[in-house]
């Protein structure tokens, strides 16, 4: 979904980072198909400035749906939020 308040997101992610991800060097996010580039840039800034990740990958949810079915190309109908 969308991140509307990055301050709240950062506080939430800090807890996950300290308890689960502290040893990780990379992070993977999914995003809706209609996400704007500005949202992706803000997410990257937040991850690299506030946490010690060396790598970050963001992928559209419909692309992952296609790959999960073993298809590199297909038509994905994405409804809802």
PDB file of N, CA and C in Angstrom:
ATOM      1  N   UNK A   1       0.795  -1.177   0.000  1.00  0.00           N
ATOM      2  CA  UNK A   1       0.000   0.000   0.000  1.00  0.00           C
ATOM      3  C   UNK A   1       0.848   1.255   0.000  1.00  0.00           C
ATOM      4  N   UNK A   2       0.214   2.330   0.207  1.00  0.00           N
ATOM      5  CA  UNK A   2       0.882   3.631   0.214  1.00  0.00           C
ATOM      6  C   UNK A   2       1.372   3.981   1.610  1.00  0.00           C
ATOM      7  N   UNK A   3       2.477   4.683   1.666  1.00  0.00           N
ATOM      8  CA  UNK A   3       2.983   5.221   2.927  1.00  0.00           C
ATOM      9  C   UNK A   3       2.614   6.697   2.935  1.00  0.00           C
ATOM     10  N   UNK A   4       1.704   7.063   3.825  1.00  0.00           N
ATOM     11  CA  UNK A   4       1.246   8.449   3.885  1.00  0.00           C
ATOM     12  C   UNK A   4       2.059   9.278   4.875  1.00  0.00           C
ATOM     13  N   UNK A   5       2.542   8.643   5.935  1.00  0.00           N
ATOM     14  CA  UNK A   5       3.287   9.350   6.967  1.00  0.00           C
ATOM     15  C   UNK A   5       4.619   8.635   7.187  1.00  0.00           C
ATOM     16  N   UNK A   6       5.690   9.202   6.659  1.00  0.00           N
ATOM     17  CA  UNK A   6       6.997   8.545   6.744  1.00  0.00           C
ATOM     18  C   UNK A   6       7.562   8.555   8.157  1.00  0.00           C
ATOM     19  N   UNK A   7       7.139   9.478   8.989  1.00  0.00           N
ATOM     20  CA  UNK A   7       7.594   9.484  10.380  1.00  0.00           C
ATOM     21  C   UNK A   7       7.065   8.251  11.113  1.00  0.00           C
ATOM     22  N   UNK A   8       5.791   7.945  10.945  1.00  0.00           N
ATOM     23  CA  UNK A   8       5.199   6.756  11.560  1.00  0.00           C
ATOM     24  C   UNK A   8       5.817   5.494  10.955  1.00  0.00           C
ATOM     25  N   UNK A   9       5.975   5.480   9.628  1.00  0.00           N
ATOM     26  CA  UNK A   9       6.576   4.324   8.968  1.00  0.00           C
ATOM     27  C   UNK A   9       7.986   4.072   9.495  1.00  0.00           C
ATOM     28  N   UNK A  10       8.771   5.131   9.666  1.00  0.00           N
ATOM     29  CA  UNK A  10      10.138   4.987  10.150  1.00  0.00           C
ATOM     30  C   UNK A  10      10.161   4.425  11.555  1.00  0.00           C
ATOM     31  N   UNK A  11       9.273   4.893  12.425  1.00  0.00           N
ATOM     32  CA  UNK A  11       9.211   4.358  13.792  1.00  0.00           C
ATOM     33  C   UNK A  11       8.827   2.885  13.781  1.00  0.00           C
ATOM     34  N   UNK A  12       7.852   2.521  12.954  1.00  0.00           N
ATOM     35  CA  UNK A  12       7.440   1.118  12.833  1.00  0.00           C
ATOM     36  C   UNK A  12       8.599   0.273  12.312  1.00  0.00           C
ATOM     37  N   UNK A  13       9.260   0.756  11.273  1.00  0.00           N
ATOM     38  CA  UNK A  13      10.333  -0.008  10.654  1.00  0.00           C
ATOM     39  C   UNK A  13      11.533  -0.139  11.581  1.00  0.00           C
ATOM     40  N   UNK A  14      11.783   0.870  12.432  1.00  0.00           N
ATOM     41  CA  UNK A  14      12.877   0.792  13.401  1.00  0.00           C
ATOM     42  C   UNK A  14      12.728  -0.418  14.301  1.00  0.00           C
ATOM     43  N   UNK A  15      11.512  -0.664  14.752  1.00  0.00           N
ATOM     44  CA  UNK A  15      11.265  -1.813  15.628  1.00  0.00           C
ATOM     45  C   UNK A  15      11.516  -3.116  14.876  1.00  0.00           C
ATOM     46  N   UNK A  16      11.023  -3.219  13.653  1.00  0.00           N
ATOM     47  CA  UNK A  16      11.262  -4.422  12.852  1.00  0.00           C
ATOM     48  C   UNK A  16      12.748  -4.590  12.574  1.00  0.00           C
ATOM     49  N   UNK A  17      13.416  -3.505  12.298  1.00  0.00           N
ATOM     50  CA  UNK A  17      14.845  -3.538  11.997  1.00  0.00           C
ATOM     51  C   UNK A  17      15.647  -4.049  13.197  1.00  0.00           C
ATOM     52  N   UNK A  18      15.328  -3.528  14.375  1.00  0.00           N
ATOM     53  CA  UNK A  18      16.064  -3.933  15.578  1.00  0.00           C
ATOM     54  C   UNK A  18      15.807  -5.384  15.949  1.00  0.00           C
ATOM     55  N   UNK A  19      14.577  -5.879  15.743  1.00  0.00           N
ATOM     56  CA  UNK A  19      14.242  -7.222  16.203  1.00  0.00           C
ATOM     57  C   UNK A  19      14.454  -8.313  15.156  1.00  0.00           C
ATOM     58  N   UNK A  20      14.340  -7.980  13.877  1.00  0.00           N
ATOM     59  CA  UNK A  20      14.384  -9.011  12.843  1.00  0.00           C
ATOM     60  C   UNK A  20      15.496  -8.785  11.819  1.00  0.00           C
ATOM     61  N   UNK A  21      15.654  -7.566  11.367  1.00  0.00           N
ATOM     62  CA  UNK A  21      16.500  -7.291  10.212  1.00  0.00           C
ATOM     63  C   UNK A  21      17.895  -6.785  10.522  1.00  0.00           C
ATOM     64  N   UNK A  22      18.275  -6.716  11.760  1.00  0.00           N
ATOM     65  CA  UNK A  22      19.534  -6.066  12.136  1.00  0.00           C
ATOM     66  C   UNK A  22      20.758  -6.671  11.451  1.00  0.00           C
ATOM     67  N   UNK A  23      20.735  -7.941  11.125  1.00  0.00           N
ATOM     68  CA  UNK A  23      21.871  -8.594  10.480  1.00  0.00           C
ATOM     69  C   UNK A  23      21.816  -8.484   8.956  1.00  0.00           C
ATOM     70  N   UNK A  24      20.714  -8.016   8.421  1.00  0.00           N
ATOM     71  CA  UNK A  24      20.515  -7.989   6.974  1.00  0.00           C
ATOM     72  C   UNK A  24      21.246  -6.815   6.331  1.00  0.00           C
ATOM     73  N   UNK A  25      21.720  -7.018   5.109  1.00  0.00           N
ATOM     74  CA  UNK A  25      22.375  -5.969   4.353  1.00  0.00           C
ATOM     75  C   UNK A  25      21.495  -5.424   3.238  1.00  0.00           C
ATOM     76  N   UNK A  26      20.377  -6.099   2.977  1.00  0.00           N
ATOM     77  CA  UNK A  26      19.505  -5.673   1.887  1.00  0.00           C
ATOM     78  C   UNK A  26      18.044  -5.755   2.325  1.00  0.00           C
ATOM     79  N   UNK A  27      17.202  -5.031   1.595  1.00  0.00           N
ATOM     80  CA  UNK A  27      15.780  -5.011   1.903  1.00  0.00           C
ATOM     81  C   UNK A  27      15.008  -5.031   0.583  1.00  0.00           C
ATOM     82  N   UNK A  28      13.844  -5.693   0.587  1.00  0.00           N
ATOM     83  CA  UNK A  28      13.022  -5.868  -0.600  1.00  0.00           C
ATOM     84  C   UNK A  28      11.623  -5.332  -0.299  1.00  0.00           C
ATOM     85  N   UNK A  29      11.098  -4.470  -1.162  1.00  0.00           N
ATOM     86  CA  UNK A  29       9.756  -3.921  -0.994  1.00  0.00           C
ATOM     87  C   UNK A  29       8.927  -4.204  -2.241  1.00  0.00           C
ATOM     88  N   UNK A  30       7.641  -4.386  -2.040  1.00  0.00           N
ATOM     89  CA  UNK A  30       6.709  -4.434  -3.164  1.00  0.00           C
ATOM     90  C   UNK A  30       5.939  -3.124  -3.168  1.00  0.00           C
ATOM     91  N   UNK A  31       5.421  -2.759  -4.327  1.00  0.00           N
ATOM     92  CA  UNK A  31       4.650  -1.526  -4.426  1.00  0.00           C
ATOM     93  C   UNK A  31       3.501  -1.727  -5.401  1.00  0.00           C
ATOM     94  N   UNK A  32       2.430  -0.953  -5.245  1.00  0.00           N
ATOM     95  CA  UNK A  32       1.301  -1.042  -6.173  1.00  0.00           C
ATOM     96  C   UNK A  32       1.723  -0.616  -7.582  1.00  0.00           C
ATOM     97  N   UNK A  33       0.991  -1.066  -8.557  1.00  0.00           N
ATOM     98  CA  UNK A  33       1.305  -0.760  -9.957  1.00  0.00           C
ATOM     99  C   UNK A  33       1.234   0.736 -10.253  1.00  0.00           C
ATOM    100  N   UNK A  34       0.394   1.465  -9.540  1.00  0.00           N
ATOM    101  CA  UNK A  34       0.196   2.887  -9.831  1.00  0.00           C
ATOM    102  C   UNK A  34       1.018   3.805  -8.923  1.00  0.00           C
ATOM    103  N   UNK A  35       1.989   3.250  -8.216  1.00  0.00           N
ATOM    104  CA  UNK A  35       2.852   4.045  -7.353  1.00  0.00           C
ATOM    105  C   UNK A  35       3.667   5.036  -8.181  1.00  0.00           C
ATOM    106  N   UNK A  36       3.817   6.248  -7.689  1.00  0.00           N
ATOM    107  CA  UNK A  36       4.589   7.263  -8.413  1.00  0.00           C
ATOM    108  C   UNK A  36       6.066   7.181  -8.049  1.00  0.00           C
ATOM    109  N   UNK A  37       6.904   7.696  -8.931  1.00  0.00           N
ATOM    110  CA  UNK A  37       8.350   7.683  -8.726  1.00  0.00           C
ATOM    111  C   UNK A  37       8.732   8.443  -7.459  1.00  0.00           C
ATOM    112  N   UNK A  38       8.028   9.516  -7.148  1.00  0.00           N
ATOM    113  CA  UNK A  38       8.334  10.310  -5.958  1.00  0.00           C
ATOM    114  C   UNK A  38       8.230   9.464  -4.688  1.00  0.00           C
ATOM    115  N   UNK A  39       7.233   8.559  -4.646  1.00  0.00           N
ATOM    116  CA  UNK A  39       7.073   7.687  -3.480  1.00  0.00           C
ATOM    117  C   UNK A  39       8.252   6.724  -3.357  1.00  0.00           C
ATOM    118  N   UNK A  40       8.708   6.197  -4.484  1.00  0.00           N
ATOM    119  CA  UNK A  40       9.842   5.267  -4.508  1.00  0.00           C
ATOM    120  C   UNK A  40      11.127   5.976  -4.063  1.00  0.00           C
ATOM    121  N   UNK A  41      11.315   7.200  -4.508  1.00  0.00           N
ATOM    122  CA  UNK A  41      12.498   7.980  -4.128  1.00  0.00           C
ATOM    123  C   UNK A  41      12.480   8.271  -2.627  1.00  0.00           C
ATOM    124  N   UNK A  42      11.342   8.661  -2.103  1.00  0.00           N
ATOM    125  CA  UNK A  42      11.222   8.944  -0.665  1.00  0.00           C
ATOM    126  C   UNK A  42      11.485   7.691   0.160  1.00  0.00           C
ATOM    127  N   UNK A  43      10.984   6.540  -0.302  1.00  0.00           N
ATOM    128  CA  UNK A  43      11.235   5.280   0.394  1.00  0.00           C
ATOM    129  C   UNK A  43      12.732   4.973   0.397  1.00  0.00           C
ATOM    130  N   UNK A  44      13.396   5.135  -0.733  1.00  0.00           N
ATOM    131  CA  UNK A  44      14.837   4.876  -0.826  1.00  0.00           C
ATOM    132  C   UNK A  44      15.614   5.817   0.091  1.00  0.00           C
ATOM    133  N   UNK A  45      15.259   7.082   0.092  1.00  0.00           N
ATOM    134  CA  UNK A  45      15.924   8.041   0.972  1.00  0.00           C
ATOM    135  C   UNK A  45      15.778   7.636   2.430  1.00  0.00           C
ATOM    136  N   UNK A  46      14.575   7.245   2.808  1.00  0.00           N
ATOM    137  CA  UNK A  46      14.311   6.841   4.189  1.00  0.00           C
ATOM    138  C   UNK A  46      15.132   5.618   4.566  1.00  0.00           C
ATOM    139  N   UNK A  47      15.187   4.625   3.686  1.00  0.00           N
ATOM    140  CA  UNK A  47      15.918   3.389   3.991  1.00  0.00           C
ATOM    141  C   UNK A  47      17.425   3.614   4.087  1.00  0.00           C
ATOM    142  N   UNK A  48      17.985   4.371   3.154  1.00  0.00           N
ATOM    143  CA  UNK A  48      19.436   4.551   3.142  1.00  0.00           C
ATOM    144  C   UNK A  48      19.915   5.566   4.174  1.00  0.00           C
ATOM    145  N   UNK A  49      19.100   6.560   4.499  1.00  0.00           N
ATOM    146  CA  UNK A  49      19.513   7.580   5.467  1.00  0.00           C
ATOM    147  C   UNK A  49      19.307   7.139   6.912  1.00  0.00           C
ATOM    148  N   UNK A  50      18.278   6.340   7.172  1.00  0.00           N
ATOM    149  CA  UNK A  50      17.948   5.988   8.555  1.00  0.00           C
ATOM    150  C   UNK A  50      18.390   4.591   8.972  1.00  0.00           C
ATOM    151  N   UNK A  51      18.678   3.721   8.006  1.00  0.00           N
ATOM    152  CA  UNK A  51      19.035   2.342   8.320  1.00  0.00           C
ATOM    153  C   UNK A  51      20.312   1.977   7.562  1.00  0.00           C
ATOM    154  N   UNK A  52      20.957   0.939   7.999  1.00  0.00           N
ATOM    155  CA  UNK A  52      22.268   0.581   7.450  1.00  0.00           C
ATOM    156  C   UNK A  52      22.162  -0.485   6.363  1.00  0.00           C
ATOM    157  N   UNK A  53      21.296  -0.269   5.379  1.00  0.00           N
ATOM    158  CA  UNK A  53      21.157  -1.217   4.276  1.00  0.00           C
ATOM    159  C   UNK A  53      22.123  -0.838   3.157  1.00  0.00           C
ATOM    160  N   UNK A  54      22.755  -1.830   2.569  1.00  0.00           N
ATOM    161  CA  UNK A  54      23.641  -1.562   1.441  1.00  0.00           C
ATOM    162  C   UNK A  54      22.905  -1.731   0.115  1.00  0.00           C
ATOM    163  N   UNK A  55      21.769  -2.425   0.135  1.00  0.00           N
ATOM    164  CA  UNK A  55      21.001  -2.680  -1.082  1.00  0.00           C
ATOM    165  C   UNK A  55      19.506  -2.564  -0.805  1.00  0.00           C
ATOM    166  N   UNK A  56      18.777  -2.133  -1.819  1.00  0.00           N
ATOM    167  CA  UNK A  56      17.321  -2.069  -1.719  1.00  0.00           C
ATOM    168  C   UNK A  56      16.745  -2.390  -3.090  1.00  0.00           C
ATOM    169  N   UNK A  57      15.693  -3.217  -3.122  1.00  0.00           N
ATOM    170  CA  UNK A  57      15.028  -3.561  -4.372  1.00  0.00           C
ATOM    171  C   UNK A  57      13.541  -3.306  -4.198  1.00  0.00           C
ATOM    172  N   UNK A  58      12.925  -2.638  -5.167  1.00  0.00           N
ATOM    173  CA  UNK A  58      11.490  -2.360  -5.158  1.00  0.00           C
ATOM    174  C   UNK A  58      10.907  -2.958  -6.431  1.00  0.00           C
ATOM    175  N   UNK A  59       9.832  -3.718  -6.281  1.00  0.00           N
ATOM    176  CA  UNK A  59       9.217  -4.369  -7.438  1.00  0.00           C
ATOM    177  C   UNK A  59       7.700  -4.179  -7.387  1.00  0.00           C
ATOM    178  N   UNK A  60       7.106  -4.034  -8.545  1.00  0.00           N
ATOM    179  CA  UNK A  60       5.648  -3.892  -8.646  1.00  0.00           C
ATOM    180  C   UNK A  60       4.973  -5.219  -8.301  1.00  0.00           C
ATOM    181  N   UNK A  61       3.887  -5.160  -7.549  1.00  0.00           N
ATOM    182  CA  UNK A  61       3.162  -6.355  -7.136  1.00  0.00           C
ATOM    183  C   UNK A  61       2.686  -7.212  -8.307  1.00  0.00           C
ATOM    184  N   UNK A  62       2.132  -6.624  -9.386  1.00  0.00           N
ATOM    185  CA  UNK A  62       1.702  -7.460 -10.510  1.00  0.00           C
ATOM    186  C   UNK A  62       2.852  -8.232 -11.173  1.00  0.00           C
ATOM    187  N   UNK A  63       4.041  -7.663 -11.191  1.00  0.00           N
ATOM    188  CA  UNK A  63       5.193  -8.368 -11.755  1.00  0.00           C
ATOM    189  C   UNK A  63       5.491  -9.612 -10.921  1.00  0.00           C
ATOM    190  N   UNK A  64       5.448  -9.467  -9.608  1.00  0.00           N
ATOM    191  CA  UNK A  64       5.698 -10.611  -8.738  1.00  0.00           C
ATOM    192  C   UNK A  64       4.605 -11.659  -8.875  1.00  0.00           C
ATOM    193  N   UNK A  65       3.361 -11.225  -9.108  1.00  0.00           N
ATOM    194  CA  UNK A  65       2.269 -12.175  -9.343  1.00  0.00           C
ATOM    195  C   UNK A  65       2.529 -12.990 -10.599  1.00  0.00           C
ATOM    196  N   UNK A  66       2.994 -12.333 -11.636  1.00  0.00           N
ATOM    197  CA  UNK A  66       3.322 -13.013 -12.882  1.00  0.00           C
ATOM    198  C   UNK A  66       4.436 -14.031 -12.666  1.00  0.00           C
ATOM    199  N   UNK A  67       5.502 -13.617 -11.997  1.00  0.00           N
ATOM    200  CA  UNK A  67       6.627 -14.524 -11.754  1.00  0.00           C
ATOM    201  C   UNK A  67       6.228 -15.701 -10.870  1.00  0.00           C
ATOM    202  N   UNK A  68       5.312 -15.464  -9.926  1.00  0.00           N
ATOM    203  CA  UNK A  68       4.903 -16.553  -9.033  1.00  0.00           C
ATOM    204  C   UNK A  68       4.155 -17.657  -9.782  1.00  0.00           C
ATOM    205  N   UNK A  69       3.603 -17.306 -10.950  1.00  0.00           N
ATOM    206  CA  UNK A  69       2.924 -18.296 -11.796  1.00  0.00           C
ATOM    207  C   UNK A  69       3.876 -18.895 -12.824  1.00  0.00           C
ATOM    208  N   UNK A  70       5.141 -18.525 -12.767  1.00  0.00           N
ATOM    209  CA  UNK A  70       6.123 -19.042 -13.702  1.00  0.00           C
ATOM    210  C   UNK A  70       6.088 -18.367 -15.059  1.00  0.00           C
ATOM    211  N   UNK A  71       5.492 -17.185 -15.126  1.00  0.00           N
ATOM    212  CA  UNK A  71       5.380 -16.461 -16.397  1.00  0.00           C
ATOM    213  C   UNK A  71       6.227 -15.197 -16.351  1.00  0.00           C
ATOM    214  N   UNK A  72       6.959 -14.942 -17.420  1.00  0.00           N
ATOM    215  CA  UNK A  72       7.691 -13.684 -17.494  1.00  0.00           C
ATOM    216  C   UNK A  72       6.844 -12.601 -18.161  1.00  0.00           C
ATOM    217  N   UNK A  73       5.821 -13.008 -18.906  1.00  0.00           N
ATOM    218  CA  UNK A  73       4.858 -12.074 -19.486  1.00  0.00           C
ATOM    219  C   UNK A  73       3.462 -12.643 -19.293  1.00  0.00           C
ATOM    220  N   UNK A  74       2.537 -11.800 -18.927  1.00  0.00           N
ATOM    221  CA  UNK A  74       1.141 -12.223 -18.791  1.00  0.00           C
ATOM    222  C   UNK A  74       0.283 -10.988 -18.520  1.00  0.00           C
ATOM    223  N   UNK A  75      -1.008 -11.166 -18.521  1.00  0.00           N
ATOM    224  CA  UNK A  75      -1.934 -10.101 -18.178  1.00  0.00           C
ATOM    225  C   UNK A  75      -2.363 -10.310 -16.736  1.00  0.00           C
ATOM    226  N   UNK A  76      -2.108  -9.317 -15.891  1.00  0.00           N
ATOM    227  CA  UNK A  76      -2.480  -9.396 -14.483  1.00  0.00           C
ATOM    228  C   UNK A  76      -3.615  -8.410 -14.239  1.00  0.00           C
ATOM    229  N   UNK A  77      -4.730  -8.899 -13.725  1.00  0.00           N
ATOM    230  CA  UNK A  77      -5.838  -8.037 -13.348  1.00  0.00           C
ATOM    231  C   UNK A  77      -5.714  -7.763 -11.860  1.00  0.00           C
ATOM    232  N   UNK A  78      -5.441  -6.524 -11.518  1.00  0.00           N
ATOM    233  CA  UNK A  78      -5.213  -6.119 -10.132  1.00  0.00           C
ATOM    234  C   UNK A  78      -6.379  -5.235  -9.711  1.00  0.00           C
ATOM    235  N   UNK A  79      -7.193  -5.709  -8.774  1.00  0.00           N
ATOM    236  CA  UNK A  79      -8.337  -4.909  -8.334  1.00  0.00           C
ATOM    237  C   UNK A  79      -8.223  -4.617  -6.840  1.00  0.00           C
ATOM    238  N   UNK A  80      -8.802  -3.529  -6.424  1.00  0.00           N
ATOM    239  CA  UNK A  80      -8.747  -3.142  -5.023  1.00  0.00           C
ATOM    240  C   UNK A  80      -7.537  -2.288  -4.741  1.00  0.00           C
ATOM    241  N   UNK A  81      -7.272  -2.091  -3.447  1.00  0.00           N
ATOM    242  CA  UNK A  81      -6.126  -1.258  -3.064  1.00  0.00           C
ATOM    243  C   UNK A  81      -4.861  -2.039  -3.034  1.00  0.00           C
TER     244      UNK A  81
END
